[in-house]
Amino acid sequence: VQLQASGGGLVQAGGSLRLSCAASGRTFSTNAMAWFRQAPGKEREFVAAINWNGGRTYYADSVKGRFTISRDNAKNTVYLQMNSLKPEDTAVYFCAADRSLRSTILGHTPLSYDYWGQGTLVTVSS
């Protein structure tokens, strides 16, 4: 089982990036998935989550209205569209998947998720 995050890079403040997380080894079409981020010297923090069929989403207050999480179950991929980026969004972004099937709960802590990708670095310059 592998989650491969990609799409990070260097962008100016106000710019946009789209992160992708492709799953392999098994399907995650019945699992909730999420994005977290970790800045240097800080704890990993929740960014956004999406339920198994894409019908529900949940965002951290710091990204609400700027970021959009979505998924394409046919491609076994989850996305994070990031707009109006700020320097404080600079971090390594990780995707994660919950092992529970068709769960009605969208967790917002790292302990809620069982599978993790390797992370992709997003740097926002001022």
N, C-alpha and C. Protein backbone atom coordinates (compact mmCIF):
# COMPACT_ATOMS: atom_id res chain seq x y z
N VAL A 1 0.85 -1.18 0.00
CA VAL A 1 0.00 0.00 0.00
C VAL A 1 0.89 1.24 0.00
N GLN A 2 0.64 2.12 -0.94
CA GLN A 2 1.48 3.31 -1.05
C GLN A 2 0.63 4.51 -1.43
N LEU A 3 0.90 5.64 -0.76
CA LEU A 3 0.30 6.92 -1.12
C LEU A 3 1.43 7.81 -1.61
N GLN A 4 1.31 8.30 -2.83
CA GLN A 4 2.36 9.11 -3.44
C GLN A 4 1.84 10.52 -3.65
N ALA A 5 2.37 11.46 -2.86
CA ALA A 5 1.98 12.86 -3.00
C ALA A 5 2.90 13.57 -3.99
N SER A 6 2.33 14.47 -4.76
CA SER A 6 3.12 15.24 -5.73
C SER A 6 2.46 16.59 -5.96
N GLY A 7 3.17 17.47 -6.65
CA GLY A 7 2.61 18.76 -7.02
C GLY A 7 3.15 19.93 -6.23
N GLY A 8 3.98 19.67 -5.24
CA GLY A 8 4.55 20.76 -4.47
C GLY A 8 5.55 21.55 -5.28
N GLY A 9 5.96 22.68 -4.72
CA GLY A 9 6.93 23.52 -5.41
C GLY A 9 7.02 24.88 -4.78
N LEU A 10 7.68 25.79 -5.48
CA LEU A 10 7.87 27.16 -5.02
C LEU A 10 6.88 28.06 -5.75
N VAL A 11 6.16 28.87 -5.00
CA VAL A 11 5.17 29.76 -5.58
C VAL A 11 5.18 31.08 -4.81
N GLN A 12 4.84 32.15 -5.48
CA GLN A 12 4.76 33.44 -4.81
C GLN A 12 3.45 33.56 -4.04
N ALA A 13 3.46 34.39 -3.03
CA ALA A 13 2.25 34.65 -2.27
C ALA A 13 1.13 35.10 -3.21
N GLY A 14 -0.05 34.56 -2.98
CA GLY A 14 -1.18 34.87 -3.85
C GLY A 14 -1.36 33.87 -4.98
N GLY A 15 -0.37 33.03 -5.18
CA GLY A 15 -0.42 32.04 -6.26
C GLY A 15 -1.18 30.79 -5.87
N SER A 16 -1.17 29.82 -6.79
CA SER A 16 -1.91 28.58 -6.61
C SER A 16 -1.05 27.37 -6.90
N LEU A 17 -1.39 26.27 -6.26
CA LEU A 17 -0.79 24.97 -6.54
C LEU A 17 -1.87 23.91 -6.39
N ARG A 18 -1.69 22.81 -7.10
CA ARG A 18 -2.60 21.68 -6.96
C ARG A 18 -1.78 20.44 -6.59
N LEU A 19 -2.05 19.91 -5.41
CA LEU A 19 -1.38 18.70 -4.97
C LEU A 19 -2.22 17.48 -5.35
N SER A 20 -1.53 16.40 -5.64
CA SER A 20 -2.19 15.13 -5.94
C SER A 20 -1.65 14.06 -5.01
N CYS A 21 -2.48 13.09 -4.70
CA CYS A 21 -2.07 11.95 -3.90
C CYS A 21 -2.64 10.71 -4.57
N ALA A 22 -1.76 9.95 -5.18
CA ALA A 22 -2.17 8.75 -5.90
C ALA A 22 -1.92 7.52 -5.03
N ALA A 23 -2.93 6.70 -4.90
CA ALA A 23 -2.82 5.49 -4.09
C ALA A 23 -2.55 4.29 -4.99
N SER A 24 -1.74 3.38 -4.50
CA SER A 24 -1.46 2.15 -5.24
C SER A 24 -1.39 1.00 -4.26
N GLY A 25 -1.56 -0.19 -4.76
CA GLY A 25 -1.52 -1.37 -3.92
C GLY A 25 -2.89 -1.83 -3.46
N ARG A 26 -3.83 -0.91 -3.40
CA ARG A 26 -5.21 -1.24 -3.07
C ARG A 26 -6.06 -0.02 -3.40
N THR A 27 -7.35 -0.21 -3.48
CA THR A 27 -8.22 0.91 -3.72
C THR A 27 -8.57 1.61 -2.41
N PHE A 28 -8.69 2.94 -2.46
CA PHE A 28 -9.13 3.71 -1.31
C PHE A 28 -10.48 4.36 -1.58
N SER A 29 -11.22 3.83 -2.51
CA SER A 29 -12.49 4.44 -2.89
C SER A 29 -13.55 4.36 -1.80
N THR A 30 -13.33 3.55 -0.77
CA THR A 30 -14.29 3.46 0.33
C THR A 30 -13.69 3.98 1.63
N ASN A 31 -12.62 4.78 1.53
CA ASN A 31 -11.93 5.29 2.71
C ASN A 31 -11.89 6.81 2.71
N ALA A 32 -12.06 7.39 3.89
CA ALA A 32 -11.83 8.82 4.03
C ALA A 32 -10.35 9.11 3.83
N MET A 33 -10.08 10.29 3.27
CA MET A 33 -8.70 10.69 3.05
C MET A 33 -8.52 12.13 3.49
N ALA A 34 -7.28 12.50 3.74
CA ALA A 34 -7.02 13.83 4.29
C ALA A 34 -5.65 14.33 3.86
N TRP A 35 -5.48 15.63 4.04
CA TRP A 35 -4.18 16.28 3.88
C TRP A 35 -3.80 16.90 5.22
N PHE A 36 -2.55 16.72 5.59
CA PHE A 36 -1.94 17.37 6.73
C PHE A 36 -0.70 18.12 6.24
N ARG A 37 -0.18 18.98 7.09
CA ARG A 37 1.06 19.67 6.74
C ARG A 37 1.91 19.83 7.99
N GLN A 38 3.21 19.95 7.74
CA GLN A 38 4.14 20.13 8.85
C GLN A 38 5.21 21.13 8.45
N ALA A 39 5.24 22.23 9.15
CA ALA A 39 6.26 23.26 8.93
C ALA A 39 7.48 22.95 9.80
N PRO A 40 8.64 23.47 9.45
CA PRO A 40 9.85 23.20 10.24
C PRO A 40 9.65 23.60 11.69
N GLY A 41 9.97 22.68 12.59
CA GLY A 41 9.89 22.96 14.01
C GLY A 41 8.50 22.95 14.59
N LYS A 42 7.52 22.58 13.78
CA LYS A 42 6.14 22.56 14.25
C LYS A 42 5.55 21.16 14.16
N GLU A 43 4.45 20.96 14.86
CA GLU A 43 3.77 19.67 14.80
C GLU A 43 2.97 19.55 13.51
N ARG A 44 2.70 18.31 13.15
CA ARG A 44 1.87 18.08 11.97
C ARG A 44 0.45 18.58 12.26
N GLU A 45 -0.12 19.33 11.31
CA GLU A 45 -1.44 19.88 11.53
C GLU A 45 -2.39 19.50 10.40
N PHE A 46 -3.64 19.40 10.76
CA PHE A 46 -4.70 19.05 9.83
C PHE A 46 -4.94 20.18 8.84
N VAL A 47 -5.20 19.81 7.59
CA VAL A 47 -5.53 20.79 6.55
C VAL A 47 -6.96 20.57 6.04
N ALA A 48 -7.23 19.36 5.55
CA ALA A 48 -8.55 19.09 4.96
C ALA A 48 -8.79 17.59 4.91
N ALA A 49 -10.07 17.22 4.91
CA ALA A 49 -10.44 15.81 4.81
C ALA A 49 -11.65 15.67 3.91
N ILE A 50 -11.80 14.48 3.34
CA ILE A 50 -12.93 14.20 2.46
C ILE A 50 -13.41 12.78 2.72
N ASN A 51 -14.72 12.60 2.72
CA ASN A 51 -15.23 11.26 3.01
C ASN A 51 -15.09 10.37 1.78
N TRP A 52 -15.50 9.12 1.91
CA TRP A 52 -15.17 8.13 0.91
C TRP A 52 -15.78 8.42 -0.46
N ASN A 53 -16.95 9.04 -0.51
CA ASN A 53 -17.57 9.29 -1.82
C ASN A 53 -17.50 10.75 -2.25
N GLY A 54 -16.78 11.57 -1.49
CA GLY A 54 -16.62 12.97 -1.85
C GLY A 54 -17.78 13.85 -1.45
N GLY A 55 -18.76 13.29 -0.76
CA GLY A 55 -19.95 14.05 -0.40
C GLY A 55 -19.78 14.99 0.77
N ARG A 56 -18.75 14.76 1.56
CA ARG A 56 -18.49 15.64 2.72
C ARG A 56 -17.03 16.01 2.78
N THR A 57 -16.80 17.26 3.14
CA THR A 57 -15.45 17.75 3.32
C THR A 57 -15.34 18.52 4.63
N TYR A 58 -14.12 18.68 5.08
CA TYR A 58 -13.88 19.37 6.37
C TYR A 58 -12.54 20.07 6.25
N TYR A 59 -12.49 21.34 6.66
CA TYR A 59 -11.28 22.13 6.50
C TYR A 59 -10.84 22.76 7.82
N ALA A 60 -9.55 22.93 7.94
CA ALA A 60 -9.02 23.75 9.01
C ALA A 60 -9.42 25.20 8.77
N ASP A 61 -9.65 25.93 9.83
CA ASP A 61 -10.06 27.33 9.69
C ASP A 61 -9.04 28.14 8.90
N SER A 62 -7.78 27.78 9.04
CA SER A 62 -6.71 28.57 8.41
C SER A 62 -6.72 28.47 6.89
N VAL A 63 -7.38 27.45 6.33
CA VAL A 63 -7.39 27.28 4.88
C VAL A 63 -8.78 27.36 4.28
N LYS A 64 -9.78 27.47 5.11
CA LYS A 64 -11.16 27.50 4.63
C LYS A 64 -11.37 28.67 3.67
N GLY A 65 -11.97 28.39 2.53
CA GLY A 65 -12.21 29.42 1.53
C GLY A 65 -11.06 29.59 0.55
N ARG A 66 -9.91 29.00 0.84
CA ARG A 66 -8.76 29.10 -0.05
C ARG A 66 -8.38 27.73 -0.65
N PHE A 67 -8.55 26.68 0.13
CA PHE A 67 -8.17 25.34 -0.32
C PHE A 67 -9.43 24.51 -0.59
N THR A 68 -9.32 23.59 -1.54
CA THR A 68 -10.42 22.69 -1.86
C THR A 68 -9.88 21.28 -2.00
N ILE A 69 -10.45 20.35 -1.23
CA ILE A 69 -10.08 18.95 -1.35
C ILE A 69 -11.11 18.25 -2.23
N SER A 70 -10.64 17.35 -3.07
CA SER A 70 -11.54 16.59 -3.93
C SER A 70 -10.92 15.22 -4.18
N ARG A 71 -11.68 14.35 -4.80
CA ARG A 71 -11.15 13.02 -5.08
C ARG A 71 -11.76 12.48 -6.37
N ASP A 72 -11.00 11.59 -7.00
CA ASP A 72 -11.46 10.87 -8.18
C ASP A 72 -11.25 9.40 -7.88
N ASN A 73 -12.29 8.72 -7.47
CA ASN A 73 -12.14 7.33 -7.05
C ASN A 73 -11.79 6.41 -8.22
N ALA A 74 -12.17 6.79 -9.41
CA ALA A 74 -11.80 5.98 -10.58
C ALA A 74 -10.28 5.98 -10.79
N LYS A 75 -9.64 7.07 -10.36
CA LYS A 75 -8.18 7.18 -10.49
C LYS A 75 -7.47 6.91 -9.17
N ASN A 76 -8.25 6.60 -8.13
CA ASN A 76 -7.66 6.32 -6.82
C ASN A 76 -6.77 7.47 -6.36
N THR A 77 -7.25 8.70 -6.56
CA THR A 77 -6.44 9.90 -6.33
C THR A 77 -7.26 10.94 -5.59
N VAL A 78 -6.60 11.62 -4.66
CA VAL A 78 -7.19 12.75 -3.97
C VAL A 78 -6.37 13.99 -4.29
N TYR A 79 -7.03 15.14 -4.35
CA TYR A 79 -6.38 16.39 -4.73
C TYR A 79 -6.54 17.45 -3.64
N LEU A 80 -5.65 18.41 -3.66
CA LEU A 80 -5.79 19.60 -2.83
C LEU A 80 -5.46 20.80 -3.70
N GLN A 81 -6.50 21.54 -4.06
CA GLN A 81 -6.31 22.79 -4.80
C GLN A 81 -6.08 23.91 -3.81
N MET A 82 -4.95 24.57 -3.94
CA MET A 82 -4.57 25.61 -2.99
C MET A 82 -4.48 26.94 -3.73
N ASN A 83 -5.35 27.87 -3.36
CA ASN A 83 -5.37 29.20 -3.96
C ASN A 83 -5.03 30.26 -2.92
N SER A 84 -4.71 31.44 -3.38
CA SER A 84 -4.38 32.56 -2.48
C SER A 84 -3.37 32.14 -1.42
N LEU A 85 -2.32 31.50 -1.86
CA LEU A 85 -1.33 30.98 -0.92
C LEU A 85 -0.63 32.09 -0.17
N LYS A 86 -0.29 31.78 1.08
CA LYS A 86 0.38 32.71 1.96
C LYS A 86 1.71 32.10 2.41
N PRO A 87 2.67 32.93 2.81
CA PRO A 87 3.94 32.39 3.30
C PRO A 87 3.75 31.39 4.44
N GLU A 88 2.74 31.60 5.27
CA GLU A 88 2.50 30.69 6.39
C GLU A 88 1.96 29.34 5.95
N ASP A 89 1.65 29.16 4.67
CA ASP A 89 1.26 27.86 4.15
C ASP A 89 2.48 27.00 3.82
N THR A 90 3.66 27.57 3.92
CA THR A 90 4.88 26.82 3.64
C THR A 90 5.02 25.64 4.59
N ALA A 91 5.16 24.44 4.03
CA ALA A 91 5.24 23.23 4.83
C ALA A 91 5.43 22.03 3.90
N VAL A 92 5.72 20.90 4.51
CA VAL A 92 5.62 19.63 3.80
C VAL A 92 4.19 19.14 3.95
N TYR A 93 3.56 18.82 2.84
CA TYR A 93 2.16 18.39 2.84
C TYR A 93 2.11 16.87 2.68
N PHE A 94 1.33 16.24 3.54
CA PHE A 94 1.19 14.79 3.55
C PHE A 94 -0.26 14.40 3.27
N CYS A 95 -0.45 13.35 2.49
CA CYS A 95 -1.79 12.80 2.36
C CYS A 95 -1.89 11.56 3.24
N ALA A 96 -3.11 11.26 3.64
CA ALA A 96 -3.34 10.15 4.55
C ALA A 96 -4.69 9.51 4.26
N ALA A 97 -4.81 8.25 4.63
CA ALA A 97 -6.06 7.52 4.42
C ALA A 97 -6.45 6.78 5.70
N ASP A 98 -7.74 6.76 5.93
CA ASP A 98 -8.33 6.06 7.07
C ASP A 98 -8.60 4.62 6.66
N ARG A 99 -8.30 3.66 7.51
CA ARG A 99 -8.52 2.27 7.16
C ARG A 99 -10.00 1.88 7.25
N SER A 100 -10.82 2.67 7.93
CA SER A 100 -12.24 2.34 8.08
C SER A 100 -12.95 2.47 6.74
N LEU A 101 -13.89 1.58 6.48
CA LEU A 101 -14.61 1.59 5.22
C LEU A 101 -15.92 2.35 5.36
N ARG A 102 -16.14 3.28 4.42
CA ARG A 102 -17.38 4.09 4.36
C ARG A 102 -17.70 4.71 5.72
N SER A 103 -16.67 5.20 6.39
CA SER A 103 -16.88 5.82 7.70
C SER A 103 -17.65 7.12 7.56
N THR A 104 -18.47 7.42 8.58
CA THR A 104 -19.20 8.70 8.60
C THR A 104 -18.42 9.76 9.36
N ILE A 105 -17.27 9.38 9.88
CA ILE A 105 -16.46 10.30 10.68
C ILE A 105 -15.31 10.84 9.84
N LEU A 106 -15.11 12.16 9.87
CA LEU A 106 -13.96 12.78 9.22
C LEU A 106 -13.01 13.25 10.31
N GLY A 107 -11.93 12.52 10.52
CA GLY A 107 -11.00 12.87 11.57
C GLY A 107 -10.15 14.07 11.21
N HIS A 108 -9.67 14.78 12.24
CA HIS A 108 -8.80 15.93 12.00
C HIS A 108 -7.52 15.84 12.82
N THR A 109 -7.20 14.64 13.30
CA THR A 109 -5.93 14.43 13.99
C THR A 109 -5.17 13.33 13.27
N PRO A 110 -3.83 13.35 13.37
CA PRO A 110 -3.05 12.30 12.70
C PRO A 110 -3.43 10.90 13.13
N LEU A 111 -3.87 10.75 14.38
CA LEU A 111 -4.22 9.41 14.88
C LEU A 111 -5.46 8.84 14.19
N SER A 112 -6.21 9.68 13.49
CA SER A 112 -7.41 9.21 12.80
C SER A 112 -7.09 8.48 11.51
N TYR A 113 -5.84 8.53 11.07
CA TYR A 113 -5.46 7.99 9.78
C TYR A 113 -4.36 6.95 9.91
N ASP A 114 -4.44 5.95 9.03
CA ASP A 114 -3.59 4.77 9.17
C ASP A 114 -2.52 4.64 8.09
N TYR A 115 -2.75 5.24 6.94
CA TYR A 115 -1.80 5.16 5.84
C TYR A 115 -1.34 6.58 5.51
N TRP A 116 -0.04 6.71 5.25
CA TRP A 116 0.54 8.03 5.01
C TRP A 116 1.45 8.01 3.79
N GLY A 117 1.41 9.12 3.06
CA GLY A 117 2.34 9.31 1.96
C GLY A 117 3.63 9.94 2.47
N GLN A 118 4.57 10.16 1.55
CA GLN A 118 5.89 10.61 1.94
C GLN A 118 6.00 12.12 2.05
N GLY A 119 5.04 12.86 1.57
CA GLY A 119 5.07 14.31 1.67
C GLY A 119 5.61 14.99 0.44
N THR A 120 5.10 16.20 0.21
CA THR A 120 5.59 17.04 -0.88
C THR A 120 5.74 18.46 -0.33
N LEU A 121 6.85 19.11 -0.66
CA LEU A 121 7.19 20.41 -0.07
C LEU A 121 6.52 21.54 -0.86
N VAL A 122 5.84 22.41 -0.12
CA VAL A 122 5.26 23.63 -0.67
C VAL A 122 5.96 24.81 -0.02
N THR A 123 6.52 25.67 -0.84
CA THR A 123 7.19 26.87 -0.35
C THR A 123 6.54 28.09 -0.97
N VAL A 124 6.05 28.99 -0.12
CA VAL A 124 5.39 30.20 -0.59
C VAL A 124 6.26 31.39 -0.22
N SER A 125 6.73 32.11 -1.21
CA SER A 125 7.60 33.25 -0.96
C SER A 125 6.76 34.52 -0.87
N SER A 126 7.26 35.45 -0.07
CA SER A 126 6.52 36.72 0.13
C SER A 126 6.94 37.77 -0.88
